[in-house]
PDB file of N, CA and C in Angstrom:
ATOM      1  N   MET A   1      19.415 135.640 158.158  1.00  0.00           N
ATOM      2  CA  MET A   1      20.486 136.993 158.221  1.00  0.00           C
ATOM      3  C   MET A   1      19.865 138.441 158.184  1.00  0.00           C
ATOM      4  N   ARG A   2      20.110 138.836 158.795  1.00  0.00           N
ATOM      5  CA  ARG A   2      19.507 140.751 158.765  1.00  0.00           C
ATOM      6  C   ARG A   2      20.409 141.177 157.881  1.00  0.00           C
ATOM      7  N   LYS A   3      19.968 142.204 156.834  1.00  0.00           N
ATOM      8  CA  LYS A   3      20.396 143.174 156.469  1.00  0.00           C
ATOM      9  C   LYS A   3      20.360 144.674 156.981  1.00  0.00           C
ATOM     10  N   GLY A   4      21.387 144.877 156.074  1.00  0.00           N
ATOM     11  CA  GLY A   4      21.253 146.180 156.764  1.00  0.00           C
ATOM     12  C   GLY A   4      22.713 146.357 157.800  1.00  0.00           C
ATOM     13  N   SER A   5      23.504 146.394 157.038  1.00  0.00           N
ATOM     14  CA  SER A   5      24.907 146.238 157.087  1.00  0.00           C
ATOM     15  C   SER A   5      25.814 147.468 157.631  1.00  0.00           C
ATOM     16  N   MET A   6      24.806 148.581 157.425  1.00  0.00           N
ATOM     17  CA  MET A   6      25.596 149.791 157.109  1.00  0.00           C
ATOM     18  C   MET A   6      25.110 150.674 158.868  1.00  0.00           C
ATOM     19  N   SER A   7      25.909 151.265 158.976  1.00  0.00           N
ATOM     20  CA  SER A   7      26.103 152.136 160.084  1.00  0.00           C
ATOM     21  C   SER A   7      24.940 153.563 159.390  1.00  0.00           C
ATOM     22  N   ARG A   8      24.314 154.379 160.458  1.00  0.00           N
ATOM     23  CA  ARG A   8      24.133 155.936 159.682  1.00  0.00           C
ATOM     24  C   ARG A   8      25.108 156.730 159.319  1.00  0.00           C
ATOM     25  N   TYR A   9      25.825 156.656 160.004  1.00  0.00           N
ATOM     26  CA  TYR A   9      26.743 157.561 159.695  1.00  0.00           C
ATOM     27  C   TYR A   9      27.396 157.120 158.446  1.00  0.00           C
ATOM     28  N   GLU A  10      27.774 155.694 158.306  1.00  0.00           N
ATOM     29  CA  GLU A  10      28.559 154.950 156.592  1.00  0.00           C
ATOM     30  C   GLU A  10      27.410 155.715 155.448  1.00  0.00           C
ATOM     31  N   ALA A  11      26.260 155.415 155.717  1.00  0.00           N
ATOM     32  CA  ALA A  11      24.906 155.880 154.797  1.00  0.00           C
ATOM     33  C   ALA A  11      25.408 157.146 154.143  1.00  0.00           C
ATOM     34  N   MET A  12      25.818 158.343 155.544  1.00  0.00           N
ATOM     35  CA  MET A  12      25.601 159.840 155.141  1.00  0.00           C
ATOM     36  C   MET A  12      27.098 159.793 154.326  1.00  0.00           C
ATOM     37  N   GLN A  13      28.121 159.115 155.015  1.00  0.00           N
ATOM     38  CA  GLN A  13      28.980 159.516 154.145  1.00  0.00           C
ATOM     39  C   GLN A  13      28.742 159.179 152.762  1.00  0.00           C
ATOM     40  N   ALA A  14      28.006 157.752 152.872  1.00  0.00           N
ATOM     41  CA  ALA A  14      28.058 157.754 151.167  1.00  0.00           C
ATOM     42  C   ALA A  14      26.863 158.475 150.462  1.00  0.00           C
ATOM     43  N   VAL A  15      26.014 158.511 150.536  1.00  0.00           N
ATOM     44  CA  VAL A  15      25.115 159.056 149.934  1.00  0.00           C
ATOM     45  C   VAL A  15      24.774 160.665 150.271  1.00  0.00           C
ATOM     46  N   GLY A  16      24.649 160.973 151.254  1.00  0.00           N
ATOM     47  CA  GLY A  16      25.111 162.083 152.051  1.00  0.00           C
ATOM     48  C   GLY A  16      23.459 161.651 153.729  1.00  0.00           C
ATOM     49  N   ARG A  17      23.595 163.458 153.769  1.00  0.00           N
ATOM     50  CA  ARG A  17      22.528 163.598 154.671  1.00  0.00           C
ATOM     51  C   ARG A  17      21.548 163.245 154.565  1.00  0.00           C
ATOM     52  N   ILE A  18      21.120 164.165 153.199  1.00  0.00           N
ATOM     53  CA  ILE A  18      19.554 164.397 152.464  1.00  0.00           C
ATOM     54  C   ILE A  18      19.575 163.075 151.827  1.00  0.00           C
ATOM     55  N   ALA A  19      19.424 162.075 151.921  1.00  0.00           N
ATOM     56  CA  ALA A  19      19.160 160.636 151.435  1.00  0.00           C
ATOM     57  C   ALA A  19      18.963 160.032 152.274  1.00  0.00           C
ATOM     58  N   VAL A  20      19.930 160.118 153.713  1.00  0.00           N
ATOM     59  CA  VAL A  20      19.207 159.471 154.643  1.00  0.00           C
ATOM     60  C   VAL A  20      18.334 159.727 155.381  1.00  0.00           C
ATOM     61  N   GLU A  21      17.906 161.066 155.911  1.00  0.00           N
ATOM     62  CA  GLU A  21      16.480 161.865 155.931  1.00  0.00           C
ATOM     63  C   GLU A  21      15.743 161.199 154.897  1.00  0.00           C
ATOM     64  N   ALA A  22      15.601 161.789 154.165  1.00  0.00           N
ATOM     65  CA  ALA A  22      14.786 160.823 153.591  1.00  0.00           C
ATOM     66  C   ALA A  22      14.201 158.990 153.554  1.00  0.00           C
ATOM     67  N   VAL A  23      15.540 158.783 153.285  1.00  0.00           N
ATOM     68  CA  VAL A  23      14.836 157.269 153.706  1.00  0.00           C
ATOM     69  C   VAL A  23      13.670 157.193 155.053  1.00  0.00           C
ATOM     70  N   GLU A  24      14.476 157.926 156.087  1.00  0.00           N
ATOM     71  CA  GLU A  24      14.270 157.805 157.588  1.00  0.00           C
ATOM     72  C   GLU A  24      13.087 158.527 157.618  1.00  0.00           C
ATOM     73  N   ALA A  25      12.713 159.172 156.935  1.00  0.00           N
ATOM     74  CA  ALA A  25      11.181 159.870 156.791  1.00  0.00           C
ATOM     75  C   ALA A  25      10.252 158.800 156.390  1.00  0.00           C
ATOM     76  N   GLU A  26      10.456 157.902 155.056  1.00  0.00           N
ATOM     77  CA  GLU A  26       9.527 157.308 154.368  1.00  0.00           C
ATOM     78  C   GLU A  26       9.490 156.101 155.101  1.00  0.00           C
ATOM     79  N   ASN A  27       7.472 155.703 155.106  1.00  0.00           N
ATOM     80  CA  ASN A  27       6.702 154.837 155.896  1.00  0.00           C
ATOM     81  C   ASN A  27       7.356 153.235 155.471  1.00  0.00           C
ATOM     82  N   CYS A  28       7.932 152.539 156.498  1.00  0.00           N
ATOM     83  CA  CYS A  28       8.235 151.431 156.005  1.00  0.00           C
ATOM     84  C   CYS A  28       7.290 149.919 155.907  1.00  0.00           C
ATOM     85  N   GLU A  29       7.612 149.279 155.350  1.00  0.00           N
ATOM     86  CA  GLU A  29       6.652 147.790 154.991  1.00  0.00           C
ATOM     87  C   GLU A  29       7.454 146.676 155.008  1.00  0.00           C
ATOM     88  N   PHE A  30       6.081 146.072 155.837  1.00  0.00           N
ATOM     89  CA  PHE A  30       6.356 144.303 155.285  1.00  0.00           C
ATOM     90  C   PHE A  30       7.583 144.048 154.288  1.00  0.00           C
ATOM     91  N   THR A  31       8.494 143.485 154.120  1.00  0.00           N
ATOM     92  CA  THR A  31       9.319 143.247 153.063  1.00  0.00           C
ATOM     93  C   THR A  31       8.866 141.646 152.558  1.00  0.00           C
ATOM     94  N   ASN A  32       8.495 140.397 153.749  1.00  0.00           N
ATOM     95  CA  ASN A  32       8.085 139.192 153.610  1.00  0.00           C
ATOM     96  C   ASN A  32       9.410 138.422 153.295  1.00  0.00           C
ATOM     97  N   ARG A  33      10.318 139.120 153.137  1.00  0.00           N
ATOM     98  CA  ARG A  33      11.402 137.905 153.262  1.00  0.00           C
ATOM     99  C   ARG A  33      12.051 136.772 154.729  1.00  0.00           C
ATOM    100  N   VAL A  34      11.956 135.873 154.455  1.00  0.00           N
ATOM    101  CA  VAL A  34      12.245 134.896 155.517  1.00  0.00           C
ATOM    102  C   VAL A  34      13.344 134.699 155.228  1.00  0.00           C
ATOM    103  N   GLN A  35      14.437 134.632 157.389  1.00  0.00           N
ATOM    104  CA  GLN A  35      14.915 135.033 157.235  1.00  0.00           C
ATOM    105  C   GLN A  35      14.975 132.871 157.029  1.00  0.00           C
ATOM    106  N   THR A  36      16.223 132.821 156.806  1.00  0.00           N
ATOM    107  CA  THR A  36      16.535 131.212 156.986  1.00  0.00           C
ATOM    108  C   THR A  36      18.053 131.030 158.143  1.00  0.00           C
ATOM    109  N   ASP A  37      17.864 131.640 158.759  1.00  0.00           N
ATOM    110  CA  ASP A  37      19.108 131.525 159.751  1.00  0.00           C
ATOM    111  C   ASP A  37      18.193 131.655 161.515  1.00  0.00           C
ATOM    112  N   GLY A  38      17.079 131.476 161.279  1.00  0.00           N
ATOM    113  CA  GLY A  38      16.561 131.155 162.755  1.00  0.00           C
ATOM    114  C   GLY A  38      15.727 132.189 163.034  1.00  0.00           C
ATOM    115  N   ASP A  39      16.637 133.443 162.611  1.00  0.00           N
ATOM    116  CA  ASP A  39      15.725 134.387 163.415  1.00  0.00           C
ATOM    117  C   ASP A  39      14.667 134.900 162.879  1.00  0.00           C
ATOM    118  N   THR A  40      13.860 134.741 163.785  1.00  0.00           N
ATOM    119  CA  THR A  40      12.558 135.292 163.743  1.00  0.00           C
ATOM    120  C   THR A  40      11.727 136.668 163.530  1.00  0.00           C
ATOM    121  N   ALA A  41      12.369 137.652 163.997  1.00  0.00           N
ATOM    122  CA  ALA A  41      11.850 138.933 163.627  1.00  0.00           C
ATOM    123  C   ALA A  41      11.645 139.241 162.197  1.00  0.00           C
ATOM    124  N   VAL A  42      10.499 139.671 162.552  1.00  0.00           N
ATOM    125  CA  VAL A  42      10.293 140.154 161.244  1.00  0.00           C
ATOM    126  C   VAL A  42      10.283 141.334 160.369  1.00  0.00           C
ATOM    127  N   GLU A  43      10.351 141.009 158.732  1.00  0.00           N
ATOM    128  CA  GLU A  43      11.921 142.527 158.036  1.00  0.00           C
ATOM    129  C   GLU A  43      10.736 143.632 157.219  1.00  0.00           C
ATOM    130  N   PHE A  44      11.177 144.491 158.157  1.00  0.00           N
ATOM    131  CA  PHE A  44       9.927 145.602 157.181  1.00  0.00           C
ATOM    132  C   PHE A  44      11.455 146.443 156.927  1.00  0.00           C
ATOM    133  N   SER A  45      10.655 147.450 155.669  1.00  0.00           N
ATOM    134  CA  SER A  45      12.624 148.749 154.989  1.00  0.00           C
ATOM    135  C   SER A  45      11.624 149.730 153.950  1.00  0.00           C
ATOM    136  N   ALA A  46      12.636 150.459 153.650  1.00  0.00           N
ATOM    137  CA  ALA A  46      12.299 151.842 153.268  1.00  0.00           C
ATOM    138  C   ALA A  46      12.851 152.325 152.690  1.00  0.00           C
ATOM    139  N   SER A  47      12.810 152.979 151.772  1.00  0.00           N
ATOM    140  CA  SER A  47      13.752 152.619 149.830  1.00  0.00           C
ATOM    141  C   SER A  47      13.824 154.175 149.702  1.00  0.00           C
ATOM    142  N   VAL A  48      14.658 154.544 149.376  1.00  0.00           N
ATOM    143  CA  VAL A  48      14.229 156.221 148.218  1.00  0.00           C
ATOM    144  C   VAL A  48      15.770 156.022 147.122  1.00  0.00           C
ATOM    145  N   ALA A  49      15.817 157.061 146.177  1.00  0.00           N
ATOM    146  CA  ALA A  49      16.331 156.404 145.494  1.00  0.00           C
ATOM    147  C   ALA A  49      17.571 157.581 145.689  1.00  0.00           C
ATOM    148  N   ALA A  50      19.000 157.453 145.360  1.00  0.00           N
ATOM    149  CA  ALA A  50      19.746 158.201 145.454  1.00  0.00           C
ATOM    150  C   ALA A  50      21.141 158.417 144.980  1.00  0.00           C
ATOM    151  N   ILE A  51      22.227 158.839 145.161  1.00  0.00           N
ATOM    152  CA  ILE A  51      23.879 159.131 144.519  1.00  0.00           C
ATOM    153  C   ILE A  51      24.605 158.858 145.410  1.00  0.00           C
ATOM    154  N   ASP A  52      25.316 157.385 144.456  1.00  0.00           N
ATOM    155  CA  ASP A  52      26.854 157.683 145.807  1.00  0.00           C
ATOM    156  C   ASP A  52      28.129 157.727 144.193  1.00  0.00           C
ATOM    157  N   ALA A  53      29.336 157.196 144.948  1.00  0.00           N
ATOM    158  CA  ALA A  53      30.104 157.768 144.231  1.00  0.00           C
ATOM    159  C   ALA A  53      30.188 156.938 142.633  1.00  0.00           C
ATOM    160  N   ASP A  54      29.467 155.798 142.759  1.00  0.00           N
ATOM    161  CA  ASP A  54      29.181 154.807 141.377  1.00  0.00           C
ATOM    162  C   ASP A  54      28.364 155.694 140.314  1.00  0.00           C
ATOM    163  N   GLY A  55      26.858 156.649 140.831  1.00  0.00           N
ATOM    164  CA  GLY A  55      25.846 156.902 140.178  1.00  0.00           C
ATOM    165  C   GLY A  55      24.785 156.723 141.256  1.00  0.00           C
ATOM    166  N   ASP A  56      23.808 156.733 140.197  1.00  0.00           N
ATOM    167  CA  ASP A  56      22.856 156.241 141.271  1.00  0.00           C
ATOM    168  C   ASP A  56      22.444 154.912 141.756  1.00  0.00           C
ATOM    169  N   CYS A  57      21.289 154.160 143.003  1.00  0.00           N
ATOM    170  CA  CYS A  57      21.191 154.001 143.652  1.00  0.00           C
ATOM    171  C   CYS A  57      20.398 153.905 143.676  1.00  0.00           C
ATOM    172  N   ILE A  58      19.970 152.743 145.342  1.00  0.00           N
ATOM    173  CA  ILE A  58      18.548 152.891 145.948  1.00  0.00           C
ATOM    174  C   ILE A  58      19.518 152.647 147.120  1.00  0.00           C
ATOM    175  N   LEU A  59      18.756 153.890 148.069  1.00  0.00           N
ATOM    176  CA  LEU A  59      18.680 153.582 149.677  1.00  0.00           C
ATOM    177  C   LEU A  59      18.140 152.999 150.751  1.00  0.00           C
ATOM    178  N   THR A  60      18.078 151.533 151.330  1.00  0.00           N
ATOM    179  CA  THR A  60      17.010 151.488 151.776  1.00  0.00           C
ATOM    180  C   THR A  60      17.838 150.781 153.217  1.00  0.00           C
ATOM    181  N   ALA A  61      16.361 151.335 154.581  1.00  0.00           N
ATOM    182  CA  ALA A  61      16.342 151.383 155.626  1.00  0.00           C
ATOM    183  C   ALA A  61      15.851 150.880 156.284  1.00  0.00           C
ATOM    184  N   TYR A  62      16.569 149.273 156.846  1.00  0.00           N
ATOM    185  CA  TYR A  62      16.138 148.330 157.567  1.00  0.00           C
ATOM    186  C   TYR A  62      14.998 148.158 159.234  1.00  0.00           C
ATOM    187  N   TYR A  63      14.755 147.570 159.189  1.00  0.00           N
ATOM    188  CA  TYR A  63      13.860 147.373 160.617  1.00  0.00           C
ATOM    189  C   TYR A  63      13.524 145.832 160.922  1.00  0.00           C
ATOM    190  N   TYR A  64      13.464 146.321 162.204  1.00  0.00           N
ATOM    191  CA  TYR A  64      12.852 144.405 162.134  1.00  0.00           C
ATOM    192  C   TYR A  64      12.181 144.408 164.130  1.00  0.00           C
ATOM    193  N   GLN A  65      11.117 143.568 163.986  1.00  0.00           N
ATOM    194  CA  GLN A  65       9.797 143.993 164.880  1.00  0.00           C
ATOM    195  C   GLN A  65      10.348 142.246 165.196  1.00  0.00           C
ATOM    196  N   ASP A  66       9.808 142.257 166.769  1.00  0.00           N
ATOM    197  CA  ASP A  66       8.943 140.684 167.210  1.00  0.00           C
ATOM    198  C   ASP A  66       8.244 140.390 166.759  1.00  0.00           C
ATOM    199  N   PRO A  67       7.948 139.288 166.254  1.00  0.00           N
ATOM    200  CA  PRO A  67       6.589 138.795 165.961  1.00  0.00           C
ATOM    201  C   PRO A  67       5.461 138.238 167.205  1.00  0.00           C
ATOM    202  N   ASP A  68       6.279 138.296 168.105  1.00  0.00           N
ATOM    203  CA  ASP A  68       5.312 138.003 169.259  1.00  0.00           C
ATOM    204  C   ASP A  68       4.461 139.547 169.770  1.00  0.00           C
ATOM    205  N   ILE A  69       5.132 140.527 169.473  1.00  0.00           N
ATOM    206  CA  ILE A  69       4.462 142.272 169.945  1.00  0.00           C
ATOM    207  C   ILE A  69       3.775 142.866 169.095  1.00  0.00           C
ATOM    208  N   LEU A  70       4.283 142.597 167.849  1.00  0.00           N
ATOM    209  CA  LEU A  70       3.319 142.342 166.121  1.00  0.00           C
ATOM    210  C   LEU A  70       1.831 142.337 166.660  1.00  0.00           C
ATOM    211  N   ASN A  71       2.235 140.955 167.546  1.00  0.00           N
ATOM    212  CA  ASN A  71       0.658 139.756 167.544  1.00  0.00           C
ATOM    213  C   ASN A  71      -0.336 140.595 168.637  1.00  0.00           C
ATOM    214  N   GLU A  72       0.393 141.111 169.043  1.00  0.00           N
ATOM    215  CA  GLU A  72      -0.022 142.284 170.657  1.00  0.00           C
ATOM    216  C   GLU A  72      -0.850 143.418 170.245  1.00  0.00           C
ATOM    217  N   VAL A  73      -0.360 144.361 169.709  1.00  0.00           N
ATOM    218  CA  VAL A  73      -0.586 145.676 168.995  1.00  0.00           C
ATOM    219  C   VAL A  73      -1.454 145.963 167.588  1.00  0.00           C
ATOM    220  N   ASP A  74      -2.557 146.888 168.013  1.00  0.00           N
ATOM    221  CA  ASP A  74      -3.361 146.773 166.946  1.00  0.00           C
ATOM    222  C   ASP A  74      -3.585 148.066 166.506  1.00  0.00           C
ATOM    223  N   ASP A  75      -2.164 148.546 166.695  1.00  0.00           N
ATOM    224  CA  ASP A  75      -1.097 150.204 166.160  1.00  0.00           C
ATOM    225  C   ASP A  75      -0.070 149.559 165.813  1.00  0.00           C
ATOM    226  N   PHE A  76       0.599 149.326 164.548  1.00  0.00           N
ATOM    227  CA  PHE A  76       1.948 149.384 164.359  1.00  0.00           C
ATOM    228  C   PHE A  76       2.159 150.822 164.505  1.00  0.00           C
ATOM    229  N   GLY A  77       1.602 151.869 164.179  1.00  0.00           N
ATOM    230  CA  GLY A  77       2.640 152.923 165.272  1.00  0.00           C
ATOM    231  C   GLY A  77       2.854 153.342 166.295  1.00  0.00           C
ATOM    232  N   ASP A  78       2.353 151.979 167.430  1.00  0.00           N
ATOM    233  CA  ASP A  78       2.757 152.178 168.909  1.00  0.00           C
ATOM    234  C   ASP A  78       3.691 151.472 169.305  1.00  0.00           C
ATOM    235  N   LEU A  79       4.355 151.072 167.945  1.00  0.00           N
ATOM    236  CA  LEU A  79       5.919 150.369 168.426  1.00  0.00           C
ATOM    237  C   LEU A  79       6.830 151.303 168.171  1.00  0.00           C
ATOM    238  N   ASP A  80       8.358 150.801 168.581  1.00  0.00           N
ATOM    239  CA  ASP A  80       9.395 151.442 168.770  1.00  0.00           C
ATOM    240  C   ASP A  80       9.857 150.659 167.353  1.00  0.00           C
ATOM    241  N   TRP A  81       9.876 151.741 165.897  1.00  0.00           N
ATOM    242  CA  TRP A  81      10.305 151.704 165.079  1.00  0.00           C
ATOM    243  C   TRP A  81      11.829 152.411 164.921  1.00  0.00           C
ATOM    244  N   GLN A  82      13.500 151.449 164.964  1.00  0.00           N
ATOM    245  CA  GLN A  82      14.821 152.004 165.346  1.00  0.00           C
ATOM    246  C   GLN A  82      15.374 151.213 164.343  1.00  0.00           C
ATOM    247  N   ILE A  83      16.277 151.683 163.293  1.00  0.00           N
ATOM    248  CA  ILE A  83      16.591 151.037 162.087  1.00  0.00           C
ATOM    249  C   ILE A  83      18.308 150.083 162.518  1.00  0.00           C
ATOM    250  N   GLU A  84      17.338 149.229 162.070  1.00  0.00           N
ATOM    251  CA  GLU A  84      18.878 148.798 162.059  1.00  0.00           C
ATOM    252  C   GLU A  84      19.944 148.280 161.725  1.00  0.00           C
ATOM    253  N   GLY A  85      19.544 149.183 160.152  1.00  0.00           N
ATOM    254  CA  GLY A  85      21.256 149.461 159.050  1.00  0.00           C
ATOM    255  C   GLY A  85      20.650 150.037 158.200  1.00  0.00           C
ATOM    256  N   TYR A  86      21.366 150.103 157.453  1.00  0.00           N
ATOM    257  CA  TYR A  86      21.201 150.948 155.812  1.00  0.00           C
ATOM    258  C   TYR A  86      21.875 150.153 154.837  1.00  0.00           C
ATOM    259  N   GLU A  87      21.381 150.283 153.467  1.00  0.00           N
ATOM    260  CA  GLU A  87      22.078 149.483 152.635  1.00  0.00           C
ATOM    261  C   GLU A  87      22.166 150.261 151.682  1.00  0.00           C
ATOM    262  N   ILE A  88      22.677 149.725 150.570  1.00  0.00           N
ATOM    263  CA  ILE A  88      22.863 150.768 149.075  1.00  0.00           C
ATOM    264  C   ILE A  88      23.221 150.019 148.223  1.00  0.00           C
ATOM    265  N   GLU A  89      21.718 149.723 147.190  1.00  0.00           N
ATOM    266  CA  GLU A  89      21.607 148.786 146.084  1.00  0.00           C
ATOM    267  C   GLU A  89      22.033 149.914 144.842  1.00  0.00           C
TER     268      GLU A  89
END
């Protein structure tokens, strides 16, 4: 099951524009998480420290790529990096 159930708008409401823009500026990395629902997409994420209504938290942006496309490119920078969603922990 994919992570990142919050939209960009919801994340901004929770932690503010600066934190959302900060996580969007971070380089994402492989998470190495195996999805157990049959979804073959490869998960990447980027995280930053933030503050929500409950105090300190971590804002994470999740990205997903098709494994076949990952095998076809030499430079991951050539891929379309769209954020799937955000989570706050």
